[in-house]
Amino acid sequence: MEKLTVADVKSMKPNTSKLSCILNEKAGIIDDTIITRFEDHMHMVVNAANKFKDLEHMKKIKEEFF
């Protein structure tokens, strides 16, 4: 999540949310997002109009990271 966004996700307390931005590889903003941290997982809400573009970018980052 910290590779994808500008949010300090590690410092978030459970059951809190942050507004953040999804970044491309050059640190340009792709979209805004809301990240919610729970005890054992996180949720990310993206704009419906950009969901396919956002998901493709997330898949690319995931493949490079793992």
C-alpha atoms as a PDB file:
ATOM      1  CA  MET A   1       0.000   0.000   0.000  1.00  0.00           C
ATOM      2  CA  GLU A   2       2.814   2.398   0.765  1.00  0.00           C
ATOM      3  CA  LYS A   3       4.304   1.728  -2.669  1.00  0.00           C
ATOM      4  CA  LEU A   4       0.976   2.685  -4.279  1.00  0.00           C
ATOM      5  CA  THR A   5       0.019   5.732  -2.234  1.00  0.00           C
ATOM      6  CA  VAL A   6       1.420   8.692  -0.321  1.00  0.00           C
ATOM      7  CA  ALA A   7      -0.283   7.569   2.912  1.00  0.00           C
ATOM      8  CA  ASP A   8       1.720   6.446   5.925  1.00  0.00           C
ATOM      9  CA  VAL A   9      -0.285   3.235   6.153  1.00  0.00           C
ATOM     10  CA  LYS A  10       1.963   1.598   8.749  1.00  0.00           C
ATOM     11  CA  SER A  11       1.182   4.280  11.313  1.00  0.00           C
ATOM     12  CA  MET A  12      -2.593   4.076  10.854  1.00  0.00           C
ATOM     13  CA  LYS A  13      -4.519   2.819  13.856  1.00  0.00           C
ATOM     14  CA  PRO A  14      -7.201   0.142  13.337  1.00  0.00           C
ATOM     15  CA  ASN A  15     -10.631   1.416  12.280  1.00  0.00           C
ATOM     16  CA  THR A  16      -9.261   4.660  10.855  1.00  0.00           C
ATOM     17  CA  SER A  17      -9.286   6.026   7.310  1.00  0.00           C
ATOM     18  CA  LYS A  18      -7.067   8.366   5.310  1.00  0.00           C
ATOM     19  CA  LEU A  19      -7.557  10.221   2.081  1.00  0.00           C
ATOM     20  CA  SER A  20      -4.594   9.614  -0.194  1.00  0.00           C
ATOM     21  CA  CYS A  21      -3.455   9.514  -3.818  1.00  0.00           C
ATOM     22  CA  ILE A  22      -2.507   6.569  -6.015  1.00  0.00           C
ATOM     23  CA  LEU A  23       0.809   7.334  -7.698  1.00  0.00           C
ATOM     24  CA  ASN A  24       2.393   6.208 -10.947  1.00  0.00           C
ATOM     25  CA  GLU A  25       6.043   5.189 -11.266  1.00  0.00           C
ATOM     26  CA  LYS A  26       7.082   8.848 -11.660  1.00  0.00           C
ATOM     27  CA  ALA A  27       5.128   9.926  -8.545  1.00  0.00           C
ATOM     28  CA  GLY A  28       2.400  11.496 -10.658  1.00  0.00           C
ATOM     29  CA  ILE A  29      -1.138  11.253  -9.336  1.00  0.00           C
ATOM     30  CA  ILE A  30      -3.317   8.640 -11.038  1.00  0.00           C
ATOM     31  CA  ASP A  31      -6.343   8.946  -8.757  1.00  0.00           C
ATOM     32  CA  ASP A  32      -7.417   9.782  -5.243  1.00  0.00           C
ATOM     33  CA  THR A  33      -8.414   7.049  -2.804  1.00  0.00           C
ATOM     34  CA  ILE A  34      -9.609   6.398   0.718  1.00  0.00           C
ATOM     35  CA  ILE A  35      -7.722   3.760   2.690  1.00  0.00           C
ATOM     36  CA  THR A  36      -9.301   2.178   5.766  1.00  0.00           C
ATOM     37  CA  ARG A  37      -7.256   0.040   8.123  1.00  0.00           C
ATOM     38  CA  PHE A  38      -8.895  -2.706  10.152  1.00  0.00           C
ATOM     39  CA  GLU A  39      -7.290  -5.102  12.648  1.00  0.00           C
ATOM     40  CA  ASP A  40      -6.437  -7.749  10.041  1.00  0.00           C
ATOM     41  CA  HIS A  41      -6.903  -6.139   6.625  1.00  0.00           C
ATOM     42  CA  MET A  42      -7.292  -2.893   4.687  1.00  0.00           C
ATOM     43  CA  HIS A  43      -9.842  -1.526   2.262  1.00  0.00           C
ATOM     44  CA  MET A  44      -9.141   0.907  -0.529  1.00  0.00           C
ATOM     45  CA  VAL A  45     -11.950   2.856  -2.175  1.00  0.00           C
ATOM     46  CA  VAL A  46     -11.264   4.219  -5.657  1.00  0.00           C
ATOM     47  CA  ASN A  47     -13.378   6.292  -8.014  1.00  0.00           C
ATOM     48  CA  ALA A  48     -15.762   4.165 -10.053  1.00  0.00           C
ATOM     49  CA  ALA A  49     -14.890   6.013 -13.268  1.00  0.00           C
ATOM     50  CA  ASN A  50     -11.212   5.056 -12.894  1.00  0.00           C
ATOM     51  CA  LYS A  51     -11.534   1.604 -11.323  1.00  0.00           C
ATOM     52  CA  PHE A  52     -10.180  -0.363 -14.296  1.00  0.00           C
ATOM     53  CA  LYS A  53      -7.199   1.946 -14.747  1.00  0.00           C
ATOM     54  CA  ASP A  54      -6.494   1.843 -10.995  1.00  0.00           C
ATOM     55  CA  LEU A  55      -6.749  -1.953 -10.814  1.00  0.00           C
ATOM     56  CA  GLU A  56      -4.408  -2.440 -13.778  1.00  0.00           C
ATOM     57  CA  HIS A  57      -1.859  -0.162 -12.131  1.00  0.00           C
ATOM     58  CA  MET A  58      -2.197  -2.034  -8.816  1.00  0.00           C
ATOM     59  CA  LYS A  59      -1.684  -5.382 -10.557  1.00  0.00           C
ATOM     60  CA  LYS A  60       1.462  -4.049 -12.224  1.00  0.00           C
ATOM     61  CA  ILE A  61       2.891  -2.830  -8.920  1.00  0.00           C
ATOM     62  CA  LYS A  62       1.994  -6.132  -7.234  1.00  0.00           C
ATOM     63  CA  GLU A  63       3.781  -8.150  -9.937  1.00  0.00           C
ATOM     64  CA  GLU A  64       6.905  -5.995  -9.615  1.00  0.00           C
ATOM     65  CA  PHE A  65       6.858  -6.205  -5.814  1.00  0.00           C
ATOM     66  CA  PHE A  66       6.370  -9.975  -5.449  1.00  0.00           C
END
